[in-house]
Amino acid sequence: MKQTISAAGTTAVPASVKVGTIFSWATLFAIVINLKKALPEPWQDVIPVEKVEDVKMCILLILCFFFVFVLAGAYDVMNGGETL
């Protein structure tokens, strides 16, 4: 059974249609490309992004590095390291 939602006397819209998310991969890609274009010419090669899949891989790599540093910090604290 398909559900429909009508908004203020307009035509019916299927309930499966989502409003959209703010943080989609396409939005993140657009932000990264705008940041890349705002950089001076020699610095534009620092961001290696040409398509959405590149953004996904860069985010995954950053998250992996973050996770490794968190684990290293936890290991240091467990072995008597000083905390901040």
PDB file of N, CA and C in Angstrom:
ATOM      1  N   MET A   1       0.839  -1.180   0.000  1.00  0.00           N
ATOM      2  CA  MET A   1       0.000   0.000   0.000  1.00  0.00           C
ATOM      3  C   MET A   1       0.885   1.245   0.000  1.00  0.00           C
ATOM      4  N   LYS A   2       0.696   2.093  -0.982  1.00  0.00           N
ATOM      5  CA  LYS A   2       1.496   3.303  -1.078  1.00  0.00           C
ATOM      6  C   LYS A   2       0.816   4.434  -0.328  1.00  0.00           C
ATOM      7  N   GLN A   3       1.596   5.118   0.464  1.00  0.00           N
ATOM      8  CA  GLN A   3       1.075   6.258   1.205  1.00  0.00           C
ATOM      9  C   GLN A   3       1.444   7.530   0.464  1.00  0.00           C
ATOM     10  N   THR A   4       0.566   8.477   0.511  1.00  0.00           N
ATOM     11  CA  THR A   4       0.864   9.771  -0.087  1.00  0.00           C
ATOM     12  C   THR A   4       0.632  10.862   0.937  1.00  0.00           C
ATOM     13  N   ILE A   5       1.357  11.921   0.763  1.00  0.00           N
ATOM     14  CA  ILE A   5       1.247  13.072   1.651  1.00  0.00           C
ATOM     15  C   ILE A   5       0.883  14.270   0.788  1.00  0.00           C
ATOM     16  N   SER A   6      -0.143  15.008   1.168  1.00  0.00           N
ATOM     17  CA  SER A   6      -0.470  16.220   0.424  1.00  0.00           C
ATOM     18  C   SER A   6      -0.101  17.417   1.284  1.00  0.00           C
ATOM     19  N   ALA A   7       0.470  18.404   0.642  1.00  0.00           N
ATOM     20  CA  ALA A   7       0.938  19.573   1.375  1.00  0.00           C
ATOM     21  C   ALA A   7       0.128  20.788   0.958  1.00  0.00           C
ATOM     22  N   ALA A   8      -0.713  21.264   1.825  1.00  0.00           N
ATOM     23  CA  ALA A   8      -1.468  22.519   1.671  1.00  0.00           C
ATOM     24  C   ALA A   8      -2.166  22.627   0.323  1.00  0.00           C
ATOM     25  N   GLY A   9      -2.917  21.599  -0.048  1.00  0.00           N
ATOM     26  CA  GLY A   9      -3.706  21.671  -1.262  1.00  0.00           C
ATOM     27  C   GLY A   9      -2.930  21.469  -2.544  1.00  0.00           C
ATOM     28  N   THR A  10      -1.691  21.038  -2.461  1.00  0.00           N
ATOM     29  CA  THR A  10      -0.918  20.774  -3.673  1.00  0.00           C
ATOM     30  C   THR A  10      -1.127  19.328  -4.088  1.00  0.00           C
ATOM     31  N   THR A  11      -0.443  18.915  -5.100  1.00  0.00           N
ATOM     32  CA  THR A  11      -0.578  17.535  -5.562  1.00  0.00           C
ATOM     33  C   THR A  11       0.048  16.583  -4.554  1.00  0.00           C
ATOM     34  N   ALA A  12      -0.408  15.345  -4.577  1.00  0.00           N
ATOM     35  CA  ALA A  12       0.076  14.344  -3.630  1.00  0.00           C
ATOM     36  C   ALA A  12       1.518  13.963  -3.950  1.00  0.00           C
ATOM     37  N   VAL A  13       2.301  13.778  -2.908  1.00  0.00           N
ATOM     38  CA  VAL A  13       3.707  13.405  -3.030  1.00  0.00           C
ATOM     39  C   VAL A  13       3.875  12.037  -2.386  1.00  0.00           C
ATOM     40  N   PRO A  14       4.551  11.097  -3.047  1.00  0.00           N
ATOM     41  CA  PRO A  14       4.760   9.788  -2.423  1.00  0.00           C
ATOM     42  C   PRO A  14       5.513   9.911  -1.104  1.00  0.00           C
ATOM     43  N   ALA A  15       5.144   9.088  -0.133  1.00  0.00           N
ATOM     44  CA  ALA A  15       5.775   9.157   1.184  1.00  0.00           C
ATOM     45  C   ALA A  15       7.222   8.708   1.137  1.00  0.00           C
ATOM     46  N   SER A  16       7.591   7.972   0.082  1.00  0.00           N
ATOM     47  CA  SER A  16       8.967   7.493  -0.002  1.00  0.00           C
ATOM     48  C   SER A  16       9.941   8.592  -0.420  1.00  0.00           C
ATOM     49  N   VAL A  17       9.420   9.710  -0.905  1.00  0.00           N
ATOM     50  CA  VAL A  17      10.286  10.815  -1.304  1.00  0.00           C
ATOM     51  C   VAL A  17      10.788  11.508  -0.049  1.00  0.00           C
ATOM     52  N   LYS A  18      12.093  11.585   0.067  1.00  0.00           N
ATOM     53  CA  LYS A  18      12.677  12.219   1.245  1.00  0.00           C
ATOM     54  C   LYS A  18      12.948  13.687   0.946  1.00  0.00           C
ATOM     55  N   VAL A  19      12.998  14.465   1.981  1.00  0.00           N
ATOM     56  CA  VAL A  19      13.269  15.889   1.837  1.00  0.00           C
ATOM     57  C   VAL A  19      14.700  16.104   1.366  1.00  0.00           C
ATOM     58  N   GLY A  20      15.605  15.241   1.755  1.00  0.00           N
ATOM     59  CA  GLY A  20      17.005  15.371   1.406  1.00  0.00           C
ATOM     60  C   GLY A  20      17.816  15.634   2.647  1.00  0.00           C
ATOM     61  N   THR A  21      19.032  15.228   2.597  1.00  0.00           N
ATOM     62  CA  THR A  21      19.894  15.430   3.748  1.00  0.00           C
ATOM     63  C   THR A  21      20.860  16.564   3.469  1.00  0.00           C
ATOM     64  N   ILE A  22      21.247  17.222   4.513  1.00  0.00           N
ATOM     65  CA  ILE A  22      22.185  18.337   4.383  1.00  0.00           C
ATOM     66  C   ILE A  22      23.578  17.809   4.059  1.00  0.00           C
ATOM     67  N   PHE A  23      23.961  16.723   4.698  1.00  0.00           N
ATOM     68  CA  PHE A  23      25.311  16.195   4.542  1.00  0.00           C
ATOM     69  C   PHE A  23      25.323  14.977   3.625  1.00  0.00           C
ATOM     70  N   SER A  24      25.033  15.176   2.365  1.00  0.00           N
ATOM     71  CA  SER A  24      25.144  14.090   1.400  1.00  0.00           C
ATOM     72  C   SER A  24      26.558  14.123   0.815  1.00  0.00           C
ATOM     73  N   TRP A  25      26.919  13.048   0.127  1.00  0.00           N
ATOM     74  CA  TRP A  25      28.255  13.001  -0.467  1.00  0.00           C
ATOM     75  C   TRP A  25      28.399  14.064  -1.549  1.00  0.00           C
ATOM     76  N   ALA A  26      27.322  14.331  -2.278  1.00  0.00           N
ATOM     77  CA  ALA A  26      27.379  15.353  -3.323  1.00  0.00           C
ATOM     78  C   ALA A  26      27.591  16.742  -2.725  1.00  0.00           C
ATOM     79  N   THR A  27      26.948  17.022  -1.597  1.00  0.00           N
ATOM     80  CA  THR A  27      27.132  18.307  -0.927  1.00  0.00           C
ATOM     81  C   THR A  27      28.552  18.442  -0.406  1.00  0.00           C
ATOM     82  N   LEU A  28      29.052  17.384   0.198  1.00  0.00           N
ATOM     83  CA  LEU A  28      30.424  17.401   0.703  1.00  0.00           C
ATOM     84  C   LEU A  28      31.423  17.561  -0.441  1.00  0.00           C
ATOM     85  N   PHE A  29      31.158  16.906  -1.566  1.00  0.00           N
ATOM     86  CA  PHE A  29      32.012  17.036  -2.743  1.00  0.00           C
ATOM     87  C   PHE A  29      32.016  18.476  -3.244  1.00  0.00           C
ATOM     88  N   ALA A  30      30.840  19.113  -3.279  1.00  0.00           N
ATOM     89  CA  ALA A  30      30.753  20.503  -3.727  1.00  0.00           C
ATOM     90  C   ALA A  30      31.526  21.432  -2.797  1.00  0.00           C
ATOM     91  N   ILE A  31      31.458  21.179  -1.496  1.00  0.00           N
ATOM     92  CA  ILE A  31      32.201  21.997  -0.532  1.00  0.00           C
ATOM     93  C   ILE A  31      33.700  21.837  -0.739  1.00  0.00           C
ATOM     94  N   VAL A  32      34.149  20.599  -0.937  1.00  0.00           N
ATOM     95  CA  VAL A  32      35.582  20.343  -1.132  1.00  0.00           C
ATOM     96  C   VAL A  32      36.067  20.973  -2.433  1.00  0.00           C
ATOM     97  N   ILE A  33      35.289  20.867  -3.492  1.00  0.00           N
ATOM     98  CA  ILE A  33      35.684  21.470  -4.771  1.00  0.00           C
ATOM     99  C   ILE A  33      35.742  22.988  -4.655  1.00  0.00           C
ATOM    100  N   ASN A  34      34.782  23.601  -3.961  1.00  0.00           N
ATOM    101  CA  ASN A  34      34.823  25.055  -3.760  1.00  0.00           C
ATOM    102  C   ASN A  34      36.033  25.461  -2.936  1.00  0.00           C
ATOM    103  N   LEU A  35      36.374  24.664  -1.926  1.00  0.00           N
ATOM    104  CA  LEU A  35      37.572  24.940  -1.138  1.00  0.00           C
ATOM    105  C   LEU A  35      38.820  24.813  -1.997  1.00  0.00           C
ATOM    106  N   LYS A  36      38.840  23.792  -2.843  1.00  0.00           N
ATOM    107  CA  LYS A  36      39.994  23.573  -3.720  1.00  0.00           C
ATOM    108  C   LYS A  36      40.166  24.736  -4.696  1.00  0.00           C
ATOM    109  N   LYS A  37      39.053  25.231  -5.247  1.00  0.00           N
ATOM    110  CA  LYS A  37      39.122  26.350  -6.192  1.00  0.00           C
ATOM    111  C   LYS A  37      39.511  27.655  -5.510  1.00  0.00           C
ATOM    112  N   ALA A  38      39.251  27.772  -4.211  1.00  0.00           N
ATOM    113  CA  ALA A  38      39.585  28.993  -3.482  1.00  0.00           C
ATOM    114  C   ALA A  38      41.067  29.066  -3.129  1.00  0.00           C
ATOM    115  N   LEU A  39      41.754  27.934  -3.194  1.00  0.00           N
ATOM    116  CA  LEU A  39      43.178  27.917  -2.866  1.00  0.00           C
ATOM    117  C   LEU A  39      43.993  28.522  -4.003  1.00  0.00           C
ATOM    118  N   PRO A  40      45.180  29.062  -3.690  1.00  0.00           N
ATOM    119  CA  PRO A  40      46.064  29.530  -4.760  1.00  0.00           C
ATOM    120  C   PRO A  40      46.483  28.362  -5.656  1.00  0.00           C
ATOM    121  N   GLU A  41      46.893  28.668  -6.868  1.00  0.00           N
ATOM    122  CA  GLU A  41      47.195  27.640  -7.874  1.00  0.00           C
ATOM    123  C   GLU A  41      48.174  26.555  -7.407  1.00  0.00           C
ATOM    124  N   PRO A  42      49.301  26.877  -6.769  1.00  0.00           N
ATOM    125  CA  PRO A  42      50.207  25.783  -6.369  1.00  0.00           C
ATOM    126  C   PRO A  42      49.624  24.869  -5.295  1.00  0.00           C
ATOM    127  N   TRP A  43      48.678  25.358  -4.520  1.00  0.00           N
ATOM    128  CA  TRP A  43      48.133  24.588  -3.404  1.00  0.00           C
ATOM    129  C   TRP A  43      46.927  23.747  -3.799  1.00  0.00           C
ATOM    130  N   GLN A  44      46.423  23.888  -5.007  1.00  0.00           N
ATOM    131  CA  GLN A  44      45.237  23.140  -5.406  1.00  0.00           C
ATOM    132  C   GLN A  44      45.501  21.639  -5.525  1.00  0.00           C
ATOM    133  N   ASP A  45      46.753  21.247  -5.724  1.00  0.00           N
ATOM    134  CA  ASP A  45      47.080  19.823  -5.824  1.00  0.00           C
ATOM    135  C   ASP A  45      47.132  19.147  -4.463  1.00  0.00           C
ATOM    136  N   VAL A  46      47.041  19.917  -3.382  1.00  0.00           N
ATOM    137  CA  VAL A  46      47.075  19.338  -2.036  1.00  0.00           C
ATOM    138  C   VAL A  46      45.815  18.517  -1.782  1.00  0.00           C
ATOM    139  N   ILE A  47      44.698  18.922  -2.351  1.00  0.00           N
ATOM    140  CA  ILE A  47      43.432  18.204  -2.183  1.00  0.00           C
ATOM    141  C   ILE A  47      43.234  17.307  -3.408  1.00  0.00           C
ATOM    142  N   PRO A  48      43.460  15.991  -3.262  1.00  0.00           N
ATOM    143  CA  PRO A  48      43.402  15.089  -4.426  1.00  0.00           C
ATOM    144  C   PRO A  48      41.983  14.596  -4.723  1.00  0.00           C
ATOM    145  N   VAL A  49      41.073  15.499  -4.995  1.00  0.00           N
ATOM    146  CA  VAL A  49      39.670  15.121  -5.181  1.00  0.00           C
ATOM    147  C   VAL A  49      39.222  15.536  -6.582  1.00  0.00           C
ATOM    148  N   GLU A  50      38.719  14.559  -7.328  1.00  0.00           N
ATOM    149  CA  GLU A  50      38.176  14.835  -8.655  1.00  0.00           C
ATOM    150  C   GLU A  50      36.744  14.349  -8.807  1.00  0.00           C
ATOM    151  N   LYS A  51      36.304  13.406  -7.953  1.00  0.00           N
ATOM    152  CA  LYS A  51      34.940  12.877  -8.016  1.00  0.00           C
ATOM    153  C   LYS A  51      34.485  12.480  -6.617  1.00  0.00           C
ATOM    154  N   VAL A  52      33.240  12.088  -6.483  1.00  0.00           N
ATOM    155  CA  VAL A  52      32.650  11.797  -5.175  1.00  0.00           C
ATOM    156  C   VAL A  52      33.361  10.628  -4.493  1.00  0.00           C
ATOM    157  N   GLU A  53      33.791   9.633  -5.265  1.00  0.00           N
ATOM    158  CA  GLU A  53      34.487   8.483  -4.683  1.00  0.00           C
ATOM    159  C   GLU A  53      35.793   8.908  -4.019  1.00  0.00           C
ATOM    160  N   ASP A  54      36.460   9.929  -4.573  1.00  0.00           N
ATOM    161  CA  ASP A  54      37.689  10.446  -3.965  1.00  0.00           C
ATOM    162  C   ASP A  54      37.398  11.072  -2.605  1.00  0.00           C
ATOM    163  N   VAL A  55      36.275  11.766  -2.491  1.00  0.00           N
ATOM    164  CA  VAL A  55      35.888  12.362  -1.204  1.00  0.00           C
ATOM    165  C   VAL A  55      35.652  11.265  -0.178  1.00  0.00           C
ATOM    166  N   LYS A  56      34.966  10.200  -0.589  1.00  0.00           N
ATOM    167  CA  LYS A  56      34.702   9.087   0.324  1.00  0.00           C
ATOM    168  C   LYS A  56      36.002   8.466   0.822  1.00  0.00           C
ATOM    169  N   MET A  57      36.965   8.264  -0.077  1.00  0.00           N
ATOM    170  CA  MET A  57      38.241   7.665   0.315  1.00  0.00           C
ATOM    171  C   MET A  57      39.035   8.601   1.230  1.00  0.00           C
ATOM    172  N   CYS A  58      39.015   9.898   0.955  1.00  0.00           N
ATOM    173  CA  CYS A  58      39.727  10.846   1.818  1.00  0.00           C
ATOM    174  C   CYS A  58      39.110  10.885   3.214  1.00  0.00           C
ATOM    175  N   ILE A  59      37.790  10.881   3.304  1.00  0.00           N
ATOM    176  CA  ILE A  59      37.118  10.871   4.606  1.00  0.00           C
ATOM    177  C   ILE A  59      37.437   9.580   5.346  1.00  0.00           C
ATOM    178  N   LEU A  60      37.425   8.447   4.639  1.00  0.00           N
ATOM    179  CA  LEU A  60      37.755   7.165   5.254  1.00  0.00           C
ATOM    180  C   LEU A  60      39.193   7.166   5.768  1.00  0.00           C
ATOM    181  N   LEU A  61      40.114   7.712   4.993  1.00  0.00           N
ATOM    182  CA  LEU A  61      41.514   7.781   5.409  1.00  0.00           C
ATOM    183  C   LEU A  61      41.684   8.670   6.638  1.00  0.00           C
ATOM    184  N   ILE A  62      41.011   9.809   6.662  1.00  0.00           N
ATOM    185  CA  ILE A  62      41.084  10.708   7.821  1.00  0.00           C
ATOM    186  C   ILE A  62      40.516  10.032   9.062  1.00  0.00           C
ATOM    187  N   LEU A  63      39.394   9.321   8.914  1.00  0.00           N
ATOM    188  CA  LEU A  63      38.810   8.606  10.054  1.00  0.00           C
ATOM    189  C   LEU A  63      39.728   7.495  10.554  1.00  0.00           C
ATOM    190  N   CYS A  64      40.396   6.798   9.645  1.00  0.00           N
ATOM    191  CA  CYS A  64      41.348   5.752  10.057  1.00  0.00           C
ATOM    192  C   CYS A  64      42.509   6.354  10.843  1.00  0.00           C
ATOM    193  N   PHE A  65      43.069   7.465  10.351  1.00  0.00           N
ATOM    194  CA  PHE A  65      44.156   8.119  11.083  1.00  0.00           C
ATOM    195  C   PHE A  65      43.689   8.575  12.460  1.00  0.00           C
ATOM    196  N   PHE A  66      42.496   9.148  12.537  1.00  0.00           N
ATOM    197  CA  PHE A  66      41.953   9.595  13.816  1.00  0.00           C
ATOM    198  C   PHE A  66      41.806   8.419  14.773  1.00  0.00           C
ATOM    199  N   PHE A  67      41.271   7.298  14.287  1.00  0.00           N
ATOM    200  CA  PHE A  67      41.079   6.113  15.115  1.00  0.00           C
ATOM    201  C   PHE A  67      42.421   5.577  15.617  1.00  0.00           C
ATOM    202  N   VAL A  68      43.443   5.581  14.765  1.00  0.00           N
ATOM    203  CA  VAL A  68      44.773   5.113  15.170  1.00  0.00           C
ATOM    204  C   VAL A  68      45.344   6.015  16.258  1.00  0.00           C
ATOM    205  N   PHE A  69      45.202   7.322  16.120  1.00  0.00           N
ATOM    206  CA  PHE A  69      45.721   8.228  17.140  1.00  0.00           C
ATOM    207  C   PHE A  69      44.955   8.104  18.453  1.00  0.00           C
ATOM    208  N   VAL A  70      43.659   7.863  18.389  1.00  0.00           N
ATOM    209  CA  VAL A  70      42.879   7.650  19.615  1.00  0.00           C
ATOM    210  C   VAL A  70      43.336   6.374  20.312  1.00  0.00           C
ATOM    211  N   LEU A  71      43.539   5.308  19.547  1.00  0.00           N
ATOM    212  CA  LEU A  71      44.024   4.056  20.142  1.00  0.00           C
ATOM    213  C   LEU A  71      45.420   4.223  20.733  1.00  0.00           C
ATOM    214  N   ALA A  72      46.288   4.951  20.043  1.00  0.00           N
ATOM    215  CA  ALA A  72      47.634   5.176  20.564  1.00  0.00           C
ATOM    216  C   ALA A  72      47.584   6.001  21.845  1.00  0.00           C
ATOM    217  N   GLY A  73      46.709   6.985  21.904  1.00  0.00           N
ATOM    218  CA  GLY A  73      46.565   7.777  23.121  1.00  0.00           C
ATOM    219  C   GLY A  73      46.016   6.957  24.265  1.00  0.00           C
ATOM    220  N   ALA A  74      45.038   6.098  23.988  1.00  0.00           N
ATOM    221  CA  ALA A  74      44.487   5.229  25.034  1.00  0.00           C
ATOM    222  C   ALA A  74      45.546   4.255  25.532  1.00  0.00           C
ATOM    223  N   TYR A  75      46.354   3.728  24.639  1.00  0.00           N
ATOM    224  CA  TYR A  75      47.431   2.812  25.024  1.00  0.00           C
ATOM    225  C   TYR A  75      48.451   3.533  25.905  1.00  0.00           C
ATOM    226  N   ASP A  76      48.772   4.773  25.540  1.00  0.00           N
ATOM    227  CA  ASP A  76      49.727   5.549  26.322  1.00  0.00           C
ATOM    228  C   ASP A  76      49.188   5.833  27.720  1.00  0.00           C
ATOM    229  N   VAL A  77      47.922   6.173  27.830  1.00  0.00           N
ATOM    230  CA  VAL A  77      47.320   6.454  29.135  1.00  0.00           C
ATOM    231  C   VAL A  77      47.275   5.187  29.980  1.00  0.00           C
ATOM    232  N   MET A  78      46.971   4.054  29.366  1.00  0.00           N
ATOM    233  CA  MET A  78      46.914   2.790  30.105  1.00  0.00           C
ATOM    234  C   MET A  78      48.281   2.377  30.631  1.00  0.00           C
ATOM    235  N   ASN A  79      49.340   2.781  29.961  1.00  0.00           N
ATOM    236  CA  ASN A  79      50.689   2.419  30.383  1.00  0.00           C
ATOM    237  C   ASN A  79      51.364   3.514  31.195  1.00  0.00           C
ATOM    238  N   GLY A  80      50.599   4.359  31.823  1.00  0.00           N
ATOM    239  CA  GLY A  80      51.149   5.345  32.742  1.00  0.00           C
ATOM    240  C   GLY A  80      51.541   6.659  32.118  1.00  0.00           C
ATOM    241  N   GLY A  81      51.122   6.917  30.897  1.00  0.00           N
ATOM    242  CA  GLY A  81      51.421   8.200  30.276  1.00  0.00           C
ATOM    243  C   GLY A  81      50.631   9.308  30.935  1.00  0.00           C
ATOM    244  N   GLU A  82      51.092  10.523  30.765  1.00  0.00           N
ATOM    245  CA  GLU A  82      50.397  11.655  31.370  1.00  0.00           C
ATOM    246  C   GLU A  82      49.189  12.042  30.530  1.00  0.00           C
ATOM    247  N   THR A  83      48.161  12.486  31.190  1.00  0.00           N
ATOM    248  CA  THR A  83      46.991  12.995  30.477  1.00  0.00           C
ATOM    249  C   THR A  83      47.098  14.506  30.365  1.00  0.00           C
ATOM    250  N   LEU A  84      46.271  15.074  29.549  1.00  0.00           N
ATOM    251  CA  LEU A  84      46.319  16.530  29.354  1.00  0.00           C
ATOM    252  C   LEU A  84      45.756  17.272  30.521  1.00  0.00           C
TER     253      LEU A  84
END
